């Protein structure tokens, strides 16, 4: 029976189980055999990482062709006004091409349930910051950081909150949670339906 786990990846942890340079890795937090990350999350980013023992599920989660929406909460340097948010929504020109339209909203204050990062973001009284939420359906390398930098608002902190219908909710850094079987079956059914609509070879499990 297929398994999927939700993991809140702490800042500074590599999205892999071993490292020749003895840096923090998933094995420092996870003791479940034969599960592997579905997709990546940069070392300096935090939040939701999905792991599974099913290779087809791993592909369905990580392959941009399946267009699973990924939602991030982003602390940026400066106060992003409506014009900046609209630029992010419309698409930003990066070195490897234009980003697709995104859902973007400014948050009022810090996100609910926010934990303290270790180490904390460097505070500078002379430079204000704000939080925005961005949802994308593609996977360019370090895309969110590059998008905010391109519109003049560098990312200070980046937390992934959701992948498709899988949500971090109030899982704390370093915590692992198994997804109930009925939710996994629902996800498989969604992938099958999506592939049939797009005329692709049927997703099979």
C-alpha atoms as a PDB file:
ATOM      1  CA  UNK A   1       0.000   0.000   0.000  1.00  0.00           C
ATOM      2  CA  UNK A   2       1.379   3.401  -1.023  1.00  0.00           C
ATOM      3  CA  UNK A   3       2.480   5.829   1.661  1.00  0.00           C
ATOM      4  CA  UNK A   4       2.813   9.622   1.668  1.00  0.00           C
ATOM      5  CA  UNK A   5       4.253  11.633   4.536  1.00  0.00           C
ATOM      6  CA  UNK A   6       4.156  15.355   5.248  1.00  0.00           C
ATOM      7  CA  UNK A   7       7.360  16.808   6.691  1.00  0.00           C
ATOM      8  CA  UNK A   8       8.089  20.330   7.866  1.00  0.00           C
ATOM      9  CA  UNK A   9      11.655  20.793   6.669  1.00  0.00           C
ATOM     10  CA  UNK A  10      13.635  23.107   8.944  1.00  0.00           C
ATOM     11  CA  UNK A  11      15.878  25.858   7.637  1.00  0.00           C
ATOM     12  CA  UNK A  12      19.363  24.626   6.725  1.00  0.00           C
ATOM     13  CA  UNK A  13      18.404  20.981   6.132  1.00  0.00           C
ATOM     14  CA  UNK A  14      19.223  19.361   2.786  1.00  0.00           C
ATOM     15  CA  UNK A  15      16.431  17.549   0.925  1.00  0.00           C
ATOM     16  CA  UNK A  16      18.336  14.258   0.950  1.00  0.00           C
ATOM     17  CA  UNK A  17      19.133  11.516   3.444  1.00  0.00           C
ATOM     18  CA  UNK A  18      22.938  11.529   3.287  1.00  0.00           C
ATOM     19  CA  UNK A  19      25.673  14.106   2.758  1.00  0.00           C
ATOM     20  CA  UNK A  20      29.423  13.577   2.423  1.00  0.00           C
ATOM     21  CA  UNK A  21      30.085  16.942   4.109  1.00  0.00           C
ATOM     22  CA  UNK A  22      28.107  16.037   7.232  1.00  0.00           C
ATOM     23  CA  UNK A  23      25.529  18.791   6.782  1.00  0.00           C
ATOM     24  CA  UNK A  24      22.007  18.429   8.286  1.00  0.00           C
ATOM     25  CA  UNK A  25      19.890  15.995   6.252  1.00  0.00           C
ATOM     26  CA  UNK A  26      16.479  14.317   6.376  1.00  0.00           C
ATOM     27  CA  UNK A  27      17.895  11.282   8.206  1.00  0.00           C
ATOM     28  CA  UNK A  28      18.495  13.531  11.215  1.00  0.00           C
ATOM     29  CA  UNK A  29      14.708  13.804  11.572  1.00  0.00           C
ATOM     30  CA  UNK A  30      13.102  10.881   9.728  1.00  0.00           C
ATOM     31  CA  UNK A  31      13.385   7.210  10.682  1.00  0.00           C
ATOM     32  CA  UNK A  32      10.928   5.637   8.231  1.00  0.00           C
ATOM     33  CA  UNK A  33      12.483   3.104   5.832  1.00  0.00           C
ATOM     34  CA  UNK A  34      12.237   3.298   2.047  1.00  0.00           C
ATOM     35  CA  UNK A  35      10.581   6.704   1.635  1.00  0.00           C
ATOM     36  CA  UNK A  36      12.035   9.375  -0.622  1.00  0.00           C
ATOM     37  CA  UNK A  37      11.427  13.087  -1.232  1.00  0.00           C
ATOM     38  CA  UNK A  38       8.936  13.978  -3.951  1.00  0.00           C
ATOM     39  CA  UNK A  39      10.515  17.152  -5.277  1.00  0.00           C
ATOM     40  CA  UNK A  40      12.992  19.444  -3.585  1.00  0.00           C
ATOM     41  CA  UNK A  41      13.071  22.358  -1.203  1.00  0.00           C
ATOM     42  CA  UNK A  42      16.198  24.493  -1.036  1.00  0.00           C
ATOM     43  CA  UNK A  43      18.429  24.290   2.033  1.00  0.00           C
ATOM     44  CA  UNK A  44      17.602  27.886   2.975  1.00  0.00           C
ATOM     45  CA  UNK A  45      13.842  27.377   2.560  1.00  0.00           C
ATOM     46  CA  UNK A  46      11.437  25.873   5.070  1.00  0.00           C
ATOM     47  CA  UNK A  47       8.128  24.088   5.168  1.00  0.00           C
ATOM     48  CA  UNK A  48       6.241  21.342   3.404  1.00  0.00           C
ATOM     49  CA  UNK A  49       8.107  18.451   1.846  1.00  0.00           C
ATOM     50  CA  UNK A  50       6.281  15.315   0.691  1.00  0.00           C
ATOM     51  CA  UNK A  51       7.920  11.898   0.923  1.00  0.00           C
ATOM     52  CA  UNK A  52       6.626   8.618  -0.488  1.00  0.00           C
ATOM     53  CA  UNK A  53       7.578   4.983  -1.081  1.00  0.00           C
ATOM     54  CA  UNK A  54       5.765   4.965  -4.455  1.00  0.00           C
ATOM     55  CA  UNK A  55       7.786   5.971  -7.523  1.00  0.00           C
ATOM     56  CA  UNK A  56       4.714   6.912  -9.572  1.00  0.00           C
ATOM     57  CA  UNK A  57       3.386   9.107  -6.802  1.00  0.00           C
ATOM     58  CA  UNK A  58       6.830  10.671  -6.477  1.00  0.00           C
ATOM     59  CA  UNK A  59       6.702  11.588 -10.172  1.00  0.00           C
ATOM     60  CA  UNK A  60       3.124  12.884  -9.985  1.00  0.00           C
ATOM     61  CA  UNK A  61       4.030  15.180  -7.102  1.00  0.00           C
ATOM     62  CA  UNK A  62       7.355  16.476  -8.403  1.00  0.00           C
ATOM     63  CA  UNK A  63       6.876  16.635 -12.198  1.00  0.00           C
ATOM     64  CA  UNK A  64       5.808  20.160 -13.313  1.00  0.00           C
ATOM     65  CA  UNK A  65       3.781  18.497 -16.104  1.00  0.00           C
ATOM     66  CA  UNK A  66       1.193  17.507 -13.506  1.00  0.00           C
ATOM     67  CA  UNK A  67       0.867  21.207 -12.541  1.00  0.00           C
ATOM     68  CA  UNK A  68       0.300  20.733  -8.830  1.00  0.00           C
ATOM     69  CA  UNK A  69      -0.120  24.170  -7.274  1.00  0.00           C
ATOM     70  CA  UNK A  70       2.525  25.043  -4.689  1.00  0.00           C
ATOM     71  CA  UNK A  71       1.827  27.796  -2.166  1.00  0.00           C
ATOM     72  CA  UNK A  72       4.541  29.764  -0.391  1.00  0.00           C
ATOM     73  CA  UNK A  73       4.527  32.384   2.334  1.00  0.00           C
ATOM     74  CA  UNK A  74       7.339  34.824   1.675  1.00  0.00           C
ATOM     75  CA  UNK A  75       8.865  37.508   3.859  1.00  0.00           C
ATOM     76  CA  UNK A  76      10.323  40.172   1.585  1.00  0.00           C
ATOM     77  CA  UNK A  77      12.459  43.233   2.163  1.00  0.00           C
ATOM     78  CA  UNK A  78      10.287  46.305   1.695  1.00  0.00           C
ATOM     79  CA  UNK A  79       6.511  46.846   1.633  1.00  0.00           C
ATOM     80  CA  UNK A  80       5.132  45.349  -1.584  1.00  0.00           C
ATOM     81  CA  UNK A  81       2.365  47.585  -2.967  1.00  0.00           C
ATOM     82  CA  UNK A  82      -0.444  46.624  -5.356  1.00  0.00           C
ATOM     83  CA  UNK A  83       1.662  47.427  -8.427  1.00  0.00           C
ATOM     84  CA  UNK A  84       4.363  45.001  -7.300  1.00  0.00           C
ATOM     85  CA  UNK A  85       1.813  42.285  -6.531  1.00  0.00           C
ATOM     86  CA  UNK A  86       0.289  42.707  -9.987  1.00  0.00           C
ATOM     87  CA  UNK A  87       3.695  42.286 -11.624  1.00  0.00           C
ATOM     88  CA  UNK A  88       4.169  39.002  -9.768  1.00  0.00           C
ATOM     89  CA  UNK A  89       0.665  37.873 -10.765  1.00  0.00           C
ATOM     90  CA  UNK A  90       1.182  38.658 -14.435  1.00  0.00           C
ATOM     91  CA  UNK A  91       4.572  36.956 -14.743  1.00  0.00           C
ATOM     92  CA  UNK A  92       8.172  38.026 -14.304  1.00  0.00           C
ATOM     93  CA  UNK A  93      10.953  37.854 -16.866  1.00  0.00           C
ATOM     94  CA  UNK A  94      13.805  35.681 -15.550  1.00  0.00           C
ATOM     95  CA  UNK A  95      16.999  34.591 -17.274  1.00  0.00           C
ATOM     96  CA  UNK A  96      15.408  31.255 -18.188  1.00  0.00           C
ATOM     97  CA  UNK A  97      12.145  32.747 -19.414  1.00  0.00           C
ATOM     98  CA  UNK A  98       8.897  34.330 -18.325  1.00  0.00           C
ATOM     99  CA  UNK A  99       7.137  32.897 -15.292  1.00  0.00           C
ATOM    100  CA  UNK A 100       3.531  31.806 -15.665  1.00  0.00           C
ATOM    101  CA  UNK A 101       0.730  33.807 -14.041  1.00  0.00           C
ATOM    102  CA  UNK A 102       0.621  33.292 -10.272  1.00  0.00           C
ATOM    103  CA  UNK A 103      -1.826  33.886  -7.442  1.00  0.00           C
ATOM    104  CA  UNK A 104      -0.385  36.557  -5.154  1.00  0.00           C
ATOM    105  CA  UNK A 105      -1.743  38.276  -2.041  1.00  0.00           C
ATOM    106  CA  UNK A 106      -0.234  40.452   0.664  1.00  0.00           C
ATOM    107  CA  UNK A 107      -0.693  39.104   4.203  1.00  0.00           C
ATOM    108  CA  UNK A 108      -1.650  41.263   7.155  1.00  0.00           C
ATOM    109  CA  UNK A 109       1.270  40.798   9.509  1.00  0.00           C
ATOM    110  CA  UNK A 110       3.011  37.479  10.130  1.00  0.00           C
ATOM    111  CA  UNK A 111       1.336  34.246   9.012  1.00  0.00           C
ATOM    112  CA  UNK A 112      -0.711  32.405  11.642  1.00  0.00           C
ATOM    113  CA  UNK A 113       1.235  29.702  13.449  1.00  0.00           C
ATOM    114  CA  UNK A 114       4.626  31.056  12.378  1.00  0.00           C
ATOM    115  CA  UNK A 115       7.542  29.490  14.233  1.00  0.00           C
ATOM    116  CA  UNK A 116      10.875  31.112  15.045  1.00  0.00           C
ATOM    117  CA  UNK A 117      13.558  30.326  12.510  1.00  0.00           C
ATOM    118  CA  UNK A 118      16.964  29.124  13.663  1.00  0.00           C
ATOM    119  CA  UNK A 119      18.960  31.230  12.956  1.00  0.00           C
ATOM    120  CA  UNK A 120      16.459  34.116  12.840  1.00  0.00           C
ATOM    121  CA  UNK A 121      16.228  36.506   9.913  1.00  0.00           C
ATOM    122  CA  UNK A 122      18.526  39.467  10.544  1.00  0.00           C
ATOM    123  CA  UNK A 123      16.426  42.377  11.775  1.00  0.00           C
ATOM    124  CA  UNK A 124      17.146  45.880  10.464  1.00  0.00           C
ATOM    125  CA  UNK A 125      15.061  48.647  11.994  1.00  0.00           C
ATOM    126  CA  UNK A 126      15.714  50.990   9.065  1.00  0.00           C
ATOM    127  CA  UNK A 127      14.322  48.580   6.439  1.00  0.00           C
ATOM    128  CA  UNK A 128      10.669  47.480   6.678  1.00  0.00           C
ATOM    129  CA  UNK A 129       9.446  44.106   5.483  1.00  0.00           C
ATOM    130  CA  UNK A 130       6.157  42.377   4.734  1.00  0.00           C
ATOM    131  CA  UNK A 131       4.728  38.925   4.047  1.00  0.00           C
ATOM    132  CA  UNK A 132       3.113  37.837   0.798  1.00  0.00           C
ATOM    133  CA  UNK A 133       1.587  34.541  -0.319  1.00  0.00           C
ATOM    134  CA  UNK A 134       2.425  33.205  -3.782  1.00  0.00           C
ATOM    135  CA  UNK A 135       0.949  30.150  -5.524  1.00  0.00           C
ATOM    136  CA  UNK A 136       2.642  28.811  -8.667  1.00  0.00           C
ATOM    137  CA  UNK A 137       2.208  25.761 -10.918  1.00  0.00           C
ATOM    138  CA  UNK A 138       5.737  25.466 -12.274  1.00  0.00           C
ATOM    139  CA  UNK A 139       9.145  24.677 -10.879  1.00  0.00           C
ATOM    140  CA  UNK A 140      11.983  26.871 -12.093  1.00  0.00           C
ATOM    141  CA  UNK A 141      15.098  26.711  -9.932  1.00  0.00           C
ATOM    142  CA  UNK A 142      14.741  28.995  -6.869  1.00  0.00           C
ATOM    143  CA  UNK A 143      11.802  30.578  -8.659  1.00  0.00           C
ATOM    144  CA  UNK A 144      10.117  32.452  -5.811  1.00  0.00           C
ATOM    145  CA  UNK A 145      13.344  34.094  -4.660  1.00  0.00           C
ATOM    146  CA  UNK A 146      14.180  35.104  -8.211  1.00  0.00           C
ATOM    147  CA  UNK A 147      10.670  36.474  -8.813  1.00  0.00           C
ATOM    148  CA  UNK A 148      10.678  38.742  -5.764  1.00  0.00           C
ATOM    149  CA  UNK A 149      14.232  39.901  -6.498  1.00  0.00           C
ATOM    150  CA  UNK A 150      13.239  40.713 -10.092  1.00  0.00           C
ATOM    151  CA  UNK A 151      10.581  43.175  -8.872  1.00  0.00           C
ATOM    152  CA  UNK A 152      12.935  44.731  -6.312  1.00  0.00           C
ATOM    153  CA  UNK A 153      11.852  42.930  -3.141  1.00  0.00           C
ATOM    154  CA  UNK A 154      14.464  40.357  -2.068  1.00  0.00           C
ATOM    155  CA  UNK A 155      13.222  37.312  -0.166  1.00  0.00           C
ATOM    156  CA  UNK A 156      14.231  37.181   3.497  1.00  0.00           C
ATOM    157  CA  UNK A 157      12.360  34.013   4.452  1.00  0.00           C
ATOM    158  CA  UNK A 158      10.522  31.398   2.393  1.00  0.00           C
ATOM    159  CA  UNK A 159       8.058  28.813   3.714  1.00  0.00           C
ATOM    160  CA  UNK A 160       6.171  26.308   1.548  1.00  0.00           C
ATOM    161  CA  UNK A 161       2.677  25.852   2.963  1.00  0.00           C
ATOM    162  CA  UNK A 162       0.923  23.585   0.450  1.00  0.00           C
ATOM    163  CA  UNK A 163       1.435  21.230  -2.494  1.00  0.00           C
ATOM    164  CA  UNK A 164      -1.871  20.565  -4.230  1.00  0.00           C
ATOM    165  CA  UNK A 165      -4.354  19.585  -1.513  1.00  0.00           C
ATOM    166  CA  UNK A 166      -1.575  18.572   0.892  1.00  0.00           C
ATOM    167  CA  UNK A 167      -1.125  21.299   3.519  1.00  0.00           C
ATOM    168  CA  UNK A 168       1.453  21.949   6.203  1.00  0.00           C
ATOM    169  CA  UNK A 169      -1.194  23.311   8.613  1.00  0.00           C
ATOM    170  CA  UNK A 170       0.356  23.427  12.100  1.00  0.00           C
ATOM    171  CA  UNK A 171       3.053  20.790  11.671  1.00  0.00           C
ATOM    172  CA  UNK A 172       6.131  22.148  13.429  1.00  0.00           C
ATOM    173  CA  UNK A 173       9.712  22.110  12.054  1.00  0.00           C
ATOM    174  CA  UNK A 174      11.164  18.596  12.101  1.00  0.00           C
ATOM    175  CA  UNK A 175       7.753  16.925  12.533  1.00  0.00           C
ATOM    176  CA  UNK A 176       6.539  14.119  10.261  1.00  0.00           C
ATOM    177  CA  UNK A 177       2.914  13.121   9.654  1.00  0.00           C
ATOM    178  CA  UNK A 178       1.538  10.198   7.652  1.00  0.00           C
ATOM    179  CA  UNK A 179      -1.224  10.981   5.160  1.00  0.00           C
ATOM    180  CA  UNK A 180      -4.379   8.873   5.654  1.00  0.00           C
ATOM    181  CA  UNK A 181      -4.994   6.199   3.028  1.00  0.00           C
ATOM    182  CA  UNK A 182      -8.254   7.784   1.846  1.00  0.00           C
ATOM    183  CA  UNK A 183      -6.449  11.034   1.038  1.00  0.00           C
ATOM    184  CA  UNK A 184      -3.818   9.141  -0.961  1.00  0.00           C
ATOM    185  CA  UNK A 185      -6.510   7.324  -2.942  1.00  0.00           C
ATOM    186  CA  UNK A 186      -8.232  10.645  -3.624  1.00  0.00           C
ATOM    187  CA  UNK A 187      -4.937  12.075  -4.902  1.00  0.00           C
ATOM    188  CA  UNK A 188      -4.399   9.085  -7.203  1.00  0.00           C
ATOM    189  CA  UNK A 189      -7.920   9.499  -8.604  1.00  0.00           C
ATOM    190  CA  UNK A 190      -7.292  13.209  -9.226  1.00  0.00           C
ATOM    191  CA  UNK A 191      -4.102  12.433 -11.155  1.00  0.00           C
ATOM    192  CA  UNK A 192      -5.875   9.845 -13.289  1.00  0.00           C
ATOM    193  CA  UNK A 193      -8.670  12.281 -14.112  1.00  0.00           C
ATOM    194  CA  UNK A 194      -6.238  15.075 -14.931  1.00  0.00           C
ATOM    195  CA  UNK A 195      -4.269  12.874 -17.309  1.00  0.00           C
ATOM    196  CA  UNK A 196      -7.384  11.686 -19.114  1.00  0.00           C
ATOM    197  CA  UNK A 197      -8.541  15.266 -19.644  1.00  0.00           C
ATOM    198  CA  UNK A 198      -5.169  16.220 -21.109  1.00  0.00           C
ATOM    199  CA  UNK A 199      -4.988  13.167 -23.341  1.00  0.00           C
ATOM    200  CA  UNK A 200      -1.847  11.829 -21.680  1.00  0.00           C
ATOM    201  CA  UNK A 201      -1.104   8.192 -21.025  1.00  0.00           C
ATOM    202  CA  UNK A 202      -3.216   7.201 -18.059  1.00  0.00           C
ATOM    203  CA  UNK A 203      -1.547   7.524 -14.669  1.00  0.00           C
ATOM    204  CA  UNK A 204      -1.508   4.039 -13.141  1.00  0.00           C
ATOM    205  CA  UNK A 205      -0.616   2.871  -9.659  1.00  0.00           C
END
